[in-house]
Amino acid sequence: MVIDSHGHVVAPMEVYAYQAHLLASRGAPRQHMVRPNISDELLEETLKGQLDLLRSVGTDVQLVSPRPFHMMHSLKPEKIVREWTMFTNDIIARQAKLHPDVIVGVAALPQSPYTDLSACIEELERCVNELGFVGCLLNPDPMEGEGPTPPGLGDEFWYPLYEKLVELDVPALVHSASCSSPRESYTLHFINEESIAIVSLLESRVFEDFPTLKIIVPHGGGAIPYQIGRFKAWRYRDKDAEPFEVSVRKLYYDTCNYSKDSIELLLKVVGSDRVLFGTEKPGTGSVADPHTGKDMDDLKPVIESIEWLTQEDRNNIFWKNALAVYPRLRSHLKTE
């Protein structure tokens, strides 16, 4: 079995036309927040290409979340962020109902720099308990590069959300949204925020206070596994500190990296029991590598070509780790 733990929604244009209405009206007058009537037939028509792509690369199940750079967390008023988030989560829930053997939902949260986490917790509960979702995205920077950010993920600011994640037994995938800074594209912002998140979490008490909390850092762990020597040296200065190479194994990571050399290094640094198969297909990596002619996000053959991996290592990456990190996923699967 192959479980792609990192996918994003493919939706009809009517979904994004509704986003445009929300943006243009800022939620006022109220009629601009009346949702469009999108039929199951239209959803099926849009899904066909995505399902064909997944079959063509040997993916059995994909965990699907809202597309992060569309989430517009920094915008005012907060009510349009919340409406857009709930609407997109509902679209994914309908897709999952149409294809329950292939698509499993992962929720976006209506994060806003102008409110506390109560709306996020409410939406998480709705998505898990009512829609059958198995996890959520967590954006460390809902300001989207425009100004002061919330405290790092190691701060107690985030504890109410962590408490709910533990209670529901679902993980969070650290994934920033768009970026308005002229110094960063959203792709670079993803990597920078993931790197900051790892250091913040591992320099905090989070995993002492929440020992069963499960956090996934995508895109190969930002920059941290590839700069591991600097952080090891930093920790070695304190003889009583836990070695950094031990700390990084408190987190999980995925293979949305698109480089065999980098994936191999990630596996050597954190171990095959901490890495989930993820591609985002279709997404950033859905472009042909001119050297091979294959899409860069066709990662199953890449994992299979790493000669020093055992079959147990490959099983961990392709499906076992996903079931361990997403306990609610098991109930969606017919077989393992």
C-alpha atoms as a PDB file:
ATOM      1  CA  MET A   1       0.000   0.000   0.000  1.00  0.00           C
ATOM      2  CA  VAL A   2       1.085   3.552  -0.769  1.00  0.00           C
ATOM      3  CA  ILE A   3      -0.371   6.411   1.293  1.00  0.00           C
ATOM      4  CA  ASP A   4       0.480   9.897   0.081  1.00  0.00           C
ATOM      5  CA  SER A   5       0.279  11.888   3.305  1.00  0.00           C
ATOM      6  CA  HIS A   6       0.581  15.303   1.670  1.00  0.00           C
ATOM      7  CA  GLY A   7      -1.953  16.267  -0.978  1.00  0.00           C
ATOM      8  CA  HIS A   8      -3.991  19.413  -1.609  1.00  0.00           C
ATOM      9  CA  VAL A   9      -7.448  19.915  -3.008  1.00  0.00           C
ATOM     10  CA  VAL A  10      -8.142  20.068  -6.734  1.00  0.00           C
ATOM     11  CA  ALA A  11     -11.419  21.975  -7.082  1.00  0.00           C
ATOM     12  CA  PRO A  12     -13.597  23.384  -9.858  1.00  0.00           C
ATOM     13  CA  MET A  13     -13.222  27.030 -10.825  1.00  0.00           C
ATOM     14  CA  GLU A  14     -16.544  27.831  -9.160  1.00  0.00           C
ATOM     15  CA  VAL A  15     -14.821  27.288  -5.800  1.00  0.00           C
ATOM     16  CA  TYR A  16     -12.253  29.969  -6.564  1.00  0.00           C
ATOM     17  CA  ALA A  17     -14.887  32.294  -8.031  1.00  0.00           C
ATOM     18  CA  TYR A  18     -16.487  32.218  -4.583  1.00  0.00           C
ATOM     19  CA  GLN A  19     -13.139  33.123  -3.047  1.00  0.00           C
ATOM     20  CA  ALA A  20     -12.940  36.089  -5.413  1.00  0.00           C
ATOM     21  CA  HIS A  21     -16.401  37.251  -4.286  1.00  0.00           C
ATOM     22  CA  LEU A  22     -15.323  37.009  -0.660  1.00  0.00           C
ATOM     23  CA  LEU A  23     -12.158  38.962  -1.354  1.00  0.00           C
ATOM     24  CA  ALA A  24     -13.895  41.667  -3.365  1.00  0.00           C
ATOM     25  CA  SER A  25     -16.702  42.198  -0.862  1.00  0.00           C
ATOM     26  CA  ARG A  26     -14.765  41.506   2.349  1.00  0.00           C
ATOM     27  CA  GLY A  27     -17.932  39.704   3.432  1.00  0.00           C
ATOM     28  CA  ALA A  28     -20.226  42.720   3.133  1.00  0.00           C
ATOM     29  CA  PRO A  29     -22.966  42.894   2.092  1.00  0.00           C
ATOM     30  CA  ARG A  30     -23.974  39.512   3.418  1.00  0.00           C
ATOM     31  CA  GLN A  31     -25.176  38.117   0.076  1.00  0.00           C
ATOM     32  CA  HIS A  32     -21.568  37.822  -1.062  1.00  0.00           C
ATOM     33  CA  MET A  33     -21.142  34.997   1.473  1.00  0.00           C
ATOM     34  CA  VAL A  34     -23.883  32.842  -0.083  1.00  0.00           C
ATOM     35  CA  ARG A  35     -22.129  29.687  -1.214  1.00  0.00           C
ATOM     36  CA  PRO A  36     -22.339  28.551  -4.847  1.00  0.00           C
ATOM     37  CA  ASN A  37     -24.299  25.429  -5.730  1.00  0.00           C
ATOM     38  CA  ILE A  38     -21.600  22.965  -6.810  1.00  0.00           C
ATOM     39  CA  SER A  39     -22.952  19.597  -7.922  1.00  0.00           C
ATOM     40  CA  ASP A  40     -21.410  16.199  -7.268  1.00  0.00           C
ATOM     41  CA  GLU A  41     -21.144  15.812 -11.048  1.00  0.00           C
ATOM     42  CA  LEU A  42     -18.937  18.899 -11.281  1.00  0.00           C
ATOM     43  CA  LEU A  43     -16.776  17.671  -8.403  1.00  0.00           C
ATOM     44  CA  GLU A  44     -16.402  14.304 -10.130  1.00  0.00           C
ATOM     45  CA  GLU A  45     -15.431  15.967 -13.403  1.00  0.00           C
ATOM     46  CA  THR A  46     -12.713  17.975 -11.648  1.00  0.00           C
ATOM     47  CA  LEU A  47     -11.480  14.991  -9.634  1.00  0.00           C
ATOM     48  CA  LYS A  48     -11.008  12.724 -12.631  1.00  0.00           C
ATOM     49  CA  GLY A  49      -7.606  14.122 -13.568  1.00  0.00           C
ATOM     50  CA  GLN A  50      -6.360  13.973  -9.976  1.00  0.00           C
ATOM     51  CA  LEU A  51      -7.484  10.368  -9.522  1.00  0.00           C
ATOM     52  CA  ASP A  52      -5.910   9.364 -12.833  1.00  0.00           C
ATOM     53  CA  LEU A  53      -2.636  10.966 -11.752  1.00  0.00           C
ATOM     54  CA  LEU A  54      -2.632   9.108  -8.430  1.00  0.00           C
ATOM     55  CA  ARG A  55      -3.326   5.781 -10.109  1.00  0.00           C
ATOM     56  CA  SER A  56      -0.598   6.392 -12.677  1.00  0.00           C
ATOM     57  CA  VAL A  57       2.072   6.707  -9.960  1.00  0.00           C
ATOM     58  CA  GLY A  58       0.826   3.870  -7.745  1.00  0.00           C
ATOM     59  CA  THR A  59      -0.793   5.911  -4.961  1.00  0.00           C
ATOM     60  CA  ASP A  60      -3.636   4.108  -3.199  1.00  0.00           C
ATOM     61  CA  VAL A  61      -4.730   6.787  -0.701  1.00  0.00           C
ATOM     62  CA  GLN A  62      -4.047  10.515  -0.516  1.00  0.00           C
ATOM     63  CA  LEU A  63      -4.574  12.764   2.492  1.00  0.00           C
ATOM     64  CA  VAL A  64      -6.047  15.941   1.027  1.00  0.00           C
ATOM     65  CA  SER A  65      -6.067  19.391   2.643  1.00  0.00           C
ATOM     66  CA  PRO A  66      -6.910  22.891   1.368  1.00  0.00           C
ATOM     67  CA  ARG A  67      -4.206  24.387  -0.832  1.00  0.00           C
ATOM     68  CA  PRO A  68      -2.174  26.489   1.663  1.00  0.00           C
ATOM     69  CA  PHE A  69      -1.233  29.449  -0.520  1.00  0.00           C
ATOM     70  CA  HIS A  70      -4.948  30.060  -1.114  1.00  0.00           C
ATOM     71  CA  MET A  71      -5.817  30.299   2.577  1.00  0.00           C
ATOM     72  CA  MET A  72      -5.440  34.121   2.935  1.00  0.00           C
ATOM     73  CA  HIS A  73      -4.988  33.978   6.722  1.00  0.00           C
ATOM     74  CA  SER A  74      -3.732  37.561   7.037  1.00  0.00           C
ATOM     75  CA  LEU A  75      -6.794  39.223   5.552  1.00  0.00           C
ATOM     76  CA  LYS A  76      -9.430  41.258   7.372  1.00  0.00           C
ATOM     77  CA  PRO A  77     -12.146  40.783   8.405  1.00  0.00           C
ATOM     78  CA  GLU A  78     -11.578  37.433  10.068  1.00  0.00           C
ATOM     79  CA  LYS A  79     -15.072  36.242   9.096  1.00  0.00           C
ATOM     80  CA  ILE A  80     -14.126  35.797   5.427  1.00  0.00           C
ATOM     81  CA  VAL A  81     -11.105  33.712   6.402  1.00  0.00           C
ATOM     82  CA  ARG A  82     -13.319  31.529   8.541  1.00  0.00           C
ATOM     83  CA  GLU A  83     -15.997  31.179   5.847  1.00  0.00           C
ATOM     84  CA  TRP A  84     -13.441  30.345   3.142  1.00  0.00           C
ATOM     85  CA  THR A  85     -11.742  27.787   5.381  1.00  0.00           C
ATOM     86  CA  MET A  86     -14.998  26.059   6.291  1.00  0.00           C
ATOM     87  CA  PHE A  87     -16.187  26.101   2.688  1.00  0.00           C
ATOM     88  CA  THR A  88     -12.967  24.523   1.423  1.00  0.00           C
ATOM     89  CA  ASN A  89     -12.993  21.893   4.171  1.00  0.00           C
ATOM     90  CA  ASP A  90     -16.588  21.080   3.177  1.00  0.00           C
ATOM     91  CA  ILE A  91     -15.571  20.649  -0.471  1.00  0.00           C
ATOM     92  CA  ILE A  92     -12.883  18.158   0.576  1.00  0.00           C
ATOM     93  CA  ALA A  93     -15.380  16.302   2.766  1.00  0.00           C
ATOM     94  CA  ARG A  94     -17.677  15.921  -0.248  1.00  0.00           C
ATOM     95  CA  GLN A  95     -14.812  14.672  -2.411  1.00  0.00           C
ATOM     96  CA  ALA A  96     -13.892  12.161   0.280  1.00  0.00           C
ATOM     97  CA  LYS A  97     -17.495  10.972   0.390  1.00  0.00           C
ATOM     98  CA  LEU A  98     -17.445  10.452  -3.372  1.00  0.00           C
ATOM     99  CA  HIS A  99     -14.161   8.502  -3.246  1.00  0.00           C
ATOM    100  CA  PRO A 100     -13.740   7.225   0.327  1.00  0.00           C
ATOM    101  CA  ASP A 101     -11.187   4.588  -0.677  1.00  0.00           C
ATOM    102  CA  VAL A 102      -8.806   7.192  -2.136  1.00  0.00           C
ATOM    103  CA  ILE A 103      -9.371  10.615  -0.546  1.00  0.00           C
ATOM    104  CA  VAL A 104      -9.151  11.322   3.191  1.00  0.00           C
ATOM    105  CA  GLY A 105      -9.563  14.829   4.574  1.00  0.00           C
ATOM    106  CA  VAL A 106      -7.033  16.938   6.483  1.00  0.00           C
ATOM    107  CA  ALA A 107      -8.453  20.243   7.731  1.00  0.00           C
ATOM    108  CA  ALA A 108      -7.258  23.771   7.322  1.00  0.00           C
ATOM    109  CA  LEU A 109      -7.837  25.977  10.366  1.00  0.00           C
ATOM    110  CA  PRO A 110      -9.313  29.498  10.149  1.00  0.00           C
ATOM    111  CA  GLN A 111      -6.193  31.092  11.563  1.00  0.00           C
ATOM    112  CA  SER A 112      -6.090  34.853  11.887  1.00  0.00           C
ATOM    113  CA  PRO A 113      -3.521  37.157  13.495  1.00  0.00           C
ATOM    114  CA  TYR A 114      -6.409  39.250  14.828  1.00  0.00           C
ATOM    115  CA  THR A 115      -8.103  36.581  16.983  1.00  0.00           C
ATOM    116  CA  ASP A 116      -7.234  33.831  19.423  1.00  0.00           C
ATOM    117  CA  LEU A 117      -7.297  30.093  18.646  1.00  0.00           C
ATOM    118  CA  SER A 118     -10.913  29.451  19.645  1.00  0.00           C
ATOM    119  CA  ALA A 119     -12.243  29.441  16.067  1.00  0.00           C
ATOM    120  CA  CYS A 120      -9.439  27.070  15.039  1.00  0.00           C
ATOM    121  CA  ILE A 121     -10.288  24.647  17.832  1.00  0.00           C
ATOM    122  CA  GLU A 122     -13.984  24.799  16.938  1.00  0.00           C
ATOM    123  CA  GLU A 123     -13.272  24.046  13.264  1.00  0.00           C
ATOM    124  CA  LEU A 124     -10.871  21.248  14.154  1.00  0.00           C
ATOM    125  CA  GLU A 125     -13.553  19.593  16.275  1.00  0.00           C
ATOM    126  CA  ARG A 126     -16.113  19.975  13.484  1.00  0.00           C
ATOM    127  CA  CYS A 127     -13.830  18.515  10.838  1.00  0.00           C
ATOM    128  CA  VAL A 128     -12.725  15.547  12.946  1.00  0.00           C
ATOM    129  CA  ASN A 129     -15.998  14.694  14.675  1.00  0.00           C
ATOM    130  CA  GLU A 130     -18.467  15.554  11.911  1.00  0.00           C
ATOM    131  CA  LEU A 131     -16.562  15.312   8.629  1.00  0.00           C
ATOM    132  CA  GLY A 132     -14.255  12.398   9.465  1.00  0.00           C
ATOM    133  CA  PHE A 133     -10.982  14.267   8.914  1.00  0.00           C
ATOM    134  CA  VAL A 134      -7.803  12.732  10.333  1.00  0.00           C
ATOM    135  CA  GLY A 135      -5.549  15.754  10.982  1.00  0.00           C
ATOM    136  CA  CYS A 136      -5.019  19.448  10.297  1.00  0.00           C
ATOM    137  CA  LEU A 137      -2.635  22.012   8.876  1.00  0.00           C
ATOM    138  CA  LEU A 138      -0.952  24.461  11.244  1.00  0.00           C
ATOM    139  CA  ASN A 139       0.374  27.777   9.942  1.00  0.00           C
ATOM    140  CA  PRO A 140       3.118  29.282  12.170  1.00  0.00           C
ATOM    141  CA  ASP A 141       2.701  32.670  10.429  1.00  0.00           C
ATOM    142  CA  PRO A 142      -0.898  33.734   9.813  1.00  0.00           C
ATOM    143  CA  MET A 143       0.455  37.239   9.093  1.00  0.00           C
ATOM    144  CA  GLU A 144       1.823  35.708   5.862  1.00  0.00           C
ATOM    145  CA  GLY A 145       5.068  37.676   6.003  1.00  0.00           C
ATOM    146  CA  GLU A 146       3.358  41.066   6.444  1.00  0.00           C
ATOM    147  CA  GLY A 147       4.237  41.880  10.021  1.00  0.00           C
ATOM    148  CA  PRO A 148       4.806  40.621  13.547  1.00  0.00           C
ATOM    149  CA  THR A 149       4.083  36.917  13.852  1.00  0.00           C
ATOM    150  CA  PRO A 150       2.626  34.987  16.779  1.00  0.00           C
ATOM    151  CA  PRO A 151       5.133  33.387  19.142  1.00  0.00           C
ATOM    152  CA  GLY A 152       7.016  30.343  17.878  1.00  0.00           C
ATOM    153  CA  LEU A 153       5.312  26.958  18.022  1.00  0.00           C
ATOM    154  CA  GLY A 154       7.170  26.192  21.241  1.00  0.00           C
ATOM    155  CA  ASP A 155       5.292  28.960  23.070  1.00  0.00           C
ATOM    156  CA  GLU A 156       2.329  28.365  25.387  1.00  0.00           C
ATOM    157  CA  PHE A 157       0.233  30.543  23.069  1.00  0.00           C
ATOM    158  CA  TRP A 158      -0.367  27.346  21.065  1.00  0.00           C
ATOM    159  CA  TYR A 159      -1.154  25.100  24.037  1.00  0.00           C
ATOM    160  CA  PRO A 160      -4.973  25.232  23.728  1.00  0.00           C
ATOM    161  CA  LEU A 161      -4.651  23.850  20.200  1.00  0.00           C
ATOM    162  CA  TYR A 162      -2.126  21.208  21.273  1.00  0.00           C
ATOM    163  CA  GLU A 163      -4.477  20.115  24.059  1.00  0.00           C
ATOM    164  CA  LYS A 164      -7.272  19.601  21.507  1.00  0.00           C
ATOM    165  CA  LEU A 165      -4.974  17.741  19.092  1.00  0.00           C
ATOM    166  CA  VAL A 166      -4.010  15.338  21.873  1.00  0.00           C
ATOM    167  CA  GLU A 167      -7.620  14.945  22.999  1.00  0.00           C
ATOM    168  CA  LEU A 168      -8.780  14.107  19.457  1.00  0.00           C
ATOM    169  CA  ASP A 169      -5.639  12.036  18.737  1.00  0.00           C
ATOM    170  CA  VAL A 170      -4.894  13.802  15.453  1.00  0.00           C
ATOM    171  CA  PRO A 171      -1.622  15.310  14.217  1.00  0.00           C
ATOM    172  CA  ALA A 172      -0.821  18.739  12.835  1.00  0.00           C
ATOM    173  CA  LEU A 173       1.119  19.276   9.614  1.00  0.00           C
ATOM    174  CA  VAL A 174       3.169  22.482   9.888  1.00  0.00           C
ATOM    175  CA  HIS A 175       2.415  24.378   6.692  1.00  0.00           C
ATOM    176  CA  SER A 176       2.489  28.141   6.205  1.00  0.00           C
ATOM    177  CA  ALA A 177       0.131  29.800   3.748  1.00  0.00           C
ATOM    178  CA  SER A 178       0.921  32.523   1.234  1.00  0.00           C
ATOM    179  CA  CYS A 179       3.581  35.208   1.673  1.00  0.00           C
ATOM    180  CA  SER A 180       3.291  38.930   1.020  1.00  0.00           C
ATOM    181  CA  SER A 181       6.925  39.766   1.690  1.00  0.00           C
ATOM    182  CA  PRO A 182       8.862  40.944  -1.389  1.00  0.00           C
ATOM    183  CA  ARG A 183      11.861  39.026  -0.006  1.00  0.00           C
ATOM    184  CA  GLU A 184      10.221  35.598  -0.120  1.00  0.00           C
ATOM    185  CA  SER A 185       8.139  33.561  -2.493  1.00  0.00           C
ATOM    186  CA  TYR A 186       5.551  31.374  -0.785  1.00  0.00           C
ATOM    187  CA  THR A 187       7.737  28.327  -1.517  1.00  0.00           C
ATOM    188  CA  LEU A 188      10.714  29.868   0.279  1.00  0.00           C
ATOM    189  CA  HIS A 189       8.398  31.021   3.081  1.00  0.00           C
ATOM    190  CA  PHE A 190       7.282  27.399   3.574  1.00  0.00           C
ATOM    191  CA  ILE A 191      10.878  26.270   4.092  1.00  0.00           C
ATOM    192  CA  ASN A 192      11.813  29.176   6.367  1.00  0.00           C
ATOM    193  CA  GLU A 193       8.751  28.756   8.587  1.00  0.00           C
ATOM    194  CA  GLU A 194       9.293  24.996   8.849  1.00  0.00           C
ATOM    195  CA  SER A 195      12.886  25.561   9.919  1.00  0.00           C
ATOM    196  CA  ILE A 196      11.840  28.093  12.568  1.00  0.00           C
ATOM    197  CA  ALA A 197       9.090  25.753  13.756  1.00  0.00           C
ATOM    198  CA  ILE A 198      11.477  22.838  14.315  1.00  0.00           C
ATOM    199  CA  VAL A 199      13.928  24.879  16.364  1.00  0.00           C
ATOM    200  CA  SER A 200      11.151  26.538  18.358  1.00  0.00           C
ATOM    201  CA  LEU A 201       9.507  23.205  19.201  1.00  0.00           C
ATOM    202  CA  LEU A 202      12.735  21.411  20.061  1.00  0.00           C
ATOM    203  CA  GLU A 203      13.978  24.257  22.274  1.00  0.00           C
ATOM    204  CA  SER A 204      10.736  24.227  24.273  1.00  0.00           C
ATOM    205  CA  ARG A 205       8.838  22.092  26.757  1.00  0.00           C
ATOM    206  CA  VAL A 206       6.107  21.159  24.283  1.00  0.00           C
ATOM    207  CA  PHE A 207       6.925  17.461  24.118  1.00  0.00           C
ATOM    208  CA  GLU A 208       7.387  17.272  27.871  1.00  0.00           C
ATOM    209  CA  ASP A 209       3.989  18.862  28.393  1.00  0.00           C
ATOM    210  CA  PHE A 210       2.341  16.932  25.538  1.00  0.00           C
ATOM    211  CA  PRO A 211       4.253  13.647  25.192  1.00  0.00           C
ATOM    212  CA  THR A 212       1.688  12.148  22.775  1.00  0.00           C
ATOM    213  CA  LEU A 213       1.463  15.205  20.504  1.00  0.00           C
ATOM    214  CA  LYS A 214       2.276  14.387  16.880  1.00  0.00           C
ATOM    215  CA  ILE A 215       3.700  17.121  14.639  1.00  0.00           C
ATOM    216  CA  ILE A 216       4.757  16.621  11.006  1.00  0.00           C
ATOM    217  CA  VAL A 217       7.158  19.046   9.337  1.00  0.00           C
ATOM    218  CA  PRO A 218       6.798  18.691   5.557  1.00  0.00           C
ATOM    219  CA  HIS A 219       9.078  19.349   2.600  1.00  0.00           C
ATOM    220  CA  GLY A 220      11.877  17.308   4.146  1.00  0.00           C
ATOM    221  CA  GLY A 221      11.913  19.310   7.388  1.00  0.00           C
ATOM    222  CA  GLY A 222      12.627  22.742   5.946  1.00  0.00           C
ATOM    223  CA  ALA A 223      16.376  23.387   6.083  1.00  0.00           C
ATOM    224  CA  ILE A 224      17.146  21.707   9.402  1.00  0.00           C
ATOM    225  CA  PRO A 225      18.146  18.136   8.376  1.00  0.00           C
ATOM    226  CA  TYR A 226      20.549  19.608   5.833  1.00  0.00           C
ATOM    227  CA  GLN A 227      22.165  21.916   8.413  1.00  0.00           C
ATOM    228  CA  ILE A 228      22.162  19.285  11.154  1.00  0.00           C
ATOM    229  CA  GLY A 229      25.840  19.796  11.984  1.00  0.00           C
ATOM    230  CA  ARG A 230      25.312  23.377  13.103  1.00  0.00           C
ATOM    231  CA  PHE A 231      22.511  22.413  15.469  1.00  0.00           C
ATOM    232  CA  LYS A 232      24.420  19.412  16.815  1.00  0.00           C
ATOM    233  CA  ALA A 233      27.379  21.674  17.569  1.00  0.00           C
ATOM    234  CA  TRP A 234      25.060  24.174  19.234  1.00  0.00           C
ATOM    235  CA  ARG A 235      23.713  21.501  21.593  1.00  0.00           C
ATOM    236  CA  TYR A 236      27.098  19.894  22.287  1.00  0.00           C
ATOM    237  CA  ARG A 237      28.179  23.099  24.041  1.00  0.00           C
ATOM    238  CA  ASP A 238      25.768  22.154  26.833  1.00  0.00           C
ATOM    239  CA  LYS A 239      26.961  18.814  28.240  1.00  0.00           C
ATOM    240  CA  ASP A 240      23.601  18.206  29.937  1.00  0.00           C
ATOM    241  CA  ALA A 241      21.437  18.939  26.905  1.00  0.00           C
ATOM    242  CA  GLU A 242      19.758  16.239  24.841  1.00  0.00           C
ATOM    243  CA  PRO A 243      21.724  15.812  21.577  1.00  0.00           C
ATOM    244  CA  PHE A 244      19.986  17.571  18.714  1.00  0.00           C
ATOM    245  CA  GLU A 245      20.090  14.396  16.617  1.00  0.00           C
ATOM    246  CA  VAL A 246      17.936  12.792  19.299  1.00  0.00           C
ATOM    247  CA  SER A 247      15.555  15.759  19.561  1.00  0.00           C
ATOM    248  CA  VAL A 248      14.760  15.835  15.832  1.00  0.00           C
ATOM    249  CA  ARG A 249      13.210  12.379  16.180  1.00  0.00           C
ATOM    250  CA  LYS A 250      10.417  13.827  18.310  1.00  0.00           C
ATOM    251  CA  LEU A 251       8.962  15.171  15.068  1.00  0.00           C
ATOM    252  CA  TYR A 252       7.870  13.555  11.814  1.00  0.00           C
ATOM    253  CA  TYR A 253       8.782  14.621   8.281  1.00  0.00           C
ATOM    254  CA  ASP A 254       7.688  13.934   4.718  1.00  0.00           C
ATOM    255  CA  THR A 255       9.312  13.367   1.343  1.00  0.00           C
ATOM    256  CA  CYS A 256       7.891  16.418  -0.515  1.00  0.00           C
ATOM    257  CA  ASN A 257      11.401  17.404  -1.472  1.00  0.00           C
ATOM    258  CA  TYR A 258      11.804  16.163  -5.066  1.00  0.00           C
ATOM    259  CA  SER A 259      15.516  15.376  -4.706  1.00  0.00           C
ATOM    260  CA  LYS A 260      16.802  11.831  -4.208  1.00  0.00           C
ATOM    261  CA  ASP A 261      19.992  13.073  -2.555  1.00  0.00           C
ATOM    262  CA  SER A 262      18.024  15.190  -0.079  1.00  0.00           C
ATOM    263  CA  ILE A 263      15.546  12.417   0.721  1.00  0.00           C
ATOM    264  CA  GLU A 264      18.437  10.039   1.379  1.00  0.00           C
ATOM    265  CA  LEU A 265      20.038  12.556   3.736  1.00  0.00           C
ATOM    266  CA  LEU A 266      16.725  13.121   5.525  1.00  0.00           C
ATOM    267  CA  LEU A 267      16.346   9.375   6.075  1.00  0.00           C
ATOM    268  CA  LYS A 268      19.906   9.086   7.388  1.00  0.00           C
ATOM    269  CA  VAL A 269      19.396  11.996   9.795  1.00  0.00           C
ATOM    270  CA  VAL A 270      15.967  11.128  11.275  1.00  0.00           C
ATOM    271  CA  GLY A 271      15.425   7.452  10.383  1.00  0.00           C
ATOM    272  CA  SER A 272      12.878   5.692   8.198  1.00  0.00           C
ATOM    273  CA  ASP A 273      10.440   5.437  11.124  1.00  0.00           C
ATOM    274  CA  ARG A 274      10.057   9.236  11.143  1.00  0.00           C
ATOM    275  CA  VAL A 275       9.452   9.910   7.451  1.00  0.00           C
ATOM    276  CA  LEU A 276       6.075   9.763   5.689  1.00  0.00           C
ATOM    277  CA  PHE A 277       5.628   9.418   1.963  1.00  0.00           C
ATOM    278  CA  GLY A 278       4.286  12.698   0.586  1.00  0.00           C
ATOM    279  CA  THR A 279       4.273  14.269  -2.873  1.00  0.00           C
ATOM    280  CA  GLU A 280       1.662  17.081  -3.069  1.00  0.00           C
ATOM    281  CA  LYS A 281       0.779  15.602  -6.476  1.00  0.00           C
ATOM    282  CA  PRO A 282      -0.549  17.492  -8.334  1.00  0.00           C
ATOM    283  CA  GLY A 283       1.382  20.503  -7.111  1.00  0.00           C
ATOM    284  CA  THR A 284       4.745  22.254  -7.226  1.00  0.00           C
ATOM    285  CA  GLY A 285       6.620  19.111  -8.228  1.00  0.00           C
ATOM    286  CA  SER A 286       4.253  18.219 -11.082  1.00  0.00           C
ATOM    287  CA  VAL A 287       6.735  19.232 -13.744  1.00  0.00           C
ATOM    288  CA  ALA A 288       8.956  17.030 -15.885  1.00  0.00           C
ATOM    289  CA  ASP A 289      12.591  16.698 -14.894  1.00  0.00           C
ATOM    290  CA  PRO A 290      14.471  17.373 -18.174  1.00  0.00           C
ATOM    291  CA  HIS A 291      17.074  14.774 -17.211  1.00  0.00           C
ATOM    292  CA  THR A 292      14.639  11.893 -16.677  1.00  0.00           C
ATOM    293  CA  GLY A 293      11.443  12.943 -18.439  1.00  0.00           C
ATOM    294  CA  LYS A 294       9.438  12.003 -15.335  1.00  0.00           C
ATOM    295  CA  ASP A 295       7.505  14.355 -13.106  1.00  0.00           C
ATOM    296  CA  MET A 296       9.614  15.412 -10.140  1.00  0.00           C
ATOM    297  CA  ASP A 297       6.816  14.460  -7.739  1.00  0.00           C
ATOM    298  CA  ASP A 298       6.775  10.853  -8.989  1.00  0.00           C
ATOM    299  CA  LEU A 299       8.577   9.824  -5.807  1.00  0.00           C
ATOM    300  CA  LYS A 300       7.638   6.163  -5.396  1.00  0.00           C
ATOM    301  CA  PRO A 301      10.384   5.031  -7.817  1.00  0.00           C
ATOM    302  CA  VAL A 302      12.820   7.361  -6.031  1.00  0.00           C
ATOM    303  CA  ILE A 303      12.187   5.680  -2.670  1.00  0.00           C
ATOM    304  CA  GLU A 304      12.383   2.249  -4.285  1.00  0.00           C
ATOM    305  CA  SER A 305      15.727   3.116  -5.885  1.00  0.00           C
ATOM    306  CA  ILE A 306      17.491   3.873  -2.582  1.00  0.00           C
ATOM    307  CA  GLU A 307      19.474   0.667  -2.368  1.00  0.00           C
ATOM    308  CA  TRP A 308      20.344   0.715   1.322  1.00  0.00           C
ATOM    309  CA  LEU A 309      16.704   0.865   2.444  1.00  0.00           C
ATOM    310  CA  THR A 310      15.286  -2.440   3.675  1.00  0.00           C
ATOM    311  CA  GLN A 311      11.778  -3.593   2.832  1.00  0.00           C
ATOM    312  CA  GLU A 312      10.767  -2.666   6.375  1.00  0.00           C
ATOM    313  CA  ASP A 313      12.152   0.850   5.782  1.00  0.00           C
ATOM    314  CA  ARG A 314      10.075   1.173   2.609  1.00  0.00           C
ATOM    315  CA  ASN A 315       6.957  -0.113   4.351  1.00  0.00           C
ATOM    316  CA  ASN A 316       7.494   2.489   7.076  1.00  0.00           C
ATOM    317  CA  ILE A 317       7.736   5.285   4.533  1.00  0.00           C
ATOM    318  CA  PHE A 318       4.949   4.163   2.210  1.00  0.00           C
ATOM    319  CA  TRP A 319       2.244   3.343   4.765  1.00  0.00           C
ATOM    320  CA  LYS A 320       3.181   2.265   8.302  1.00  0.00           C
ATOM    321  CA  ASN A 321       4.264   5.690   9.527  1.00  0.00           C
ATOM    322  CA  ALA A 322       1.090   7.296   8.159  1.00  0.00           C
ATOM    323  CA  LEU A 323      -1.033   4.883  10.179  1.00  0.00           C
ATOM    324  CA  ALA A 324       1.049   5.550  13.294  1.00  0.00           C
ATOM    325  CA  VAL A 325       0.870   9.331  12.966  1.00  0.00           C
ATOM    326  CA  TYR A 326      -2.760   9.473  11.783  1.00  0.00           C
ATOM    327  CA  PRO A 327      -4.510   6.908  14.042  1.00  0.00           C
ATOM    328  CA  ARG A 328      -7.944   7.828  12.677  1.00  0.00           C
ATOM    329  CA  LEU A 329      -6.789   6.939   9.156  1.00  0.00           C
ATOM    330  CA  ARG A 330      -7.033   3.210   9.847  1.00  0.00           C
ATOM    331  CA  SER A 331     -10.817   3.303   9.920  1.00  0.00           C
ATOM    332  CA  HIS A 332     -10.859   4.706   6.351  1.00  0.00           C
ATOM    333  CA  LEU A 333      -8.839   1.826   4.895  1.00  0.00           C
ATOM    334  CA  LYS A 334     -10.194  -1.495   3.687  1.00  0.00           C
ATOM    335  CA  THR A 335      -6.802  -3.171   3.870  1.00  0.00           C
ATOM    336  CA  GLU A 336      -3.268  -2.421   5.025  1.00  0.00           C
END
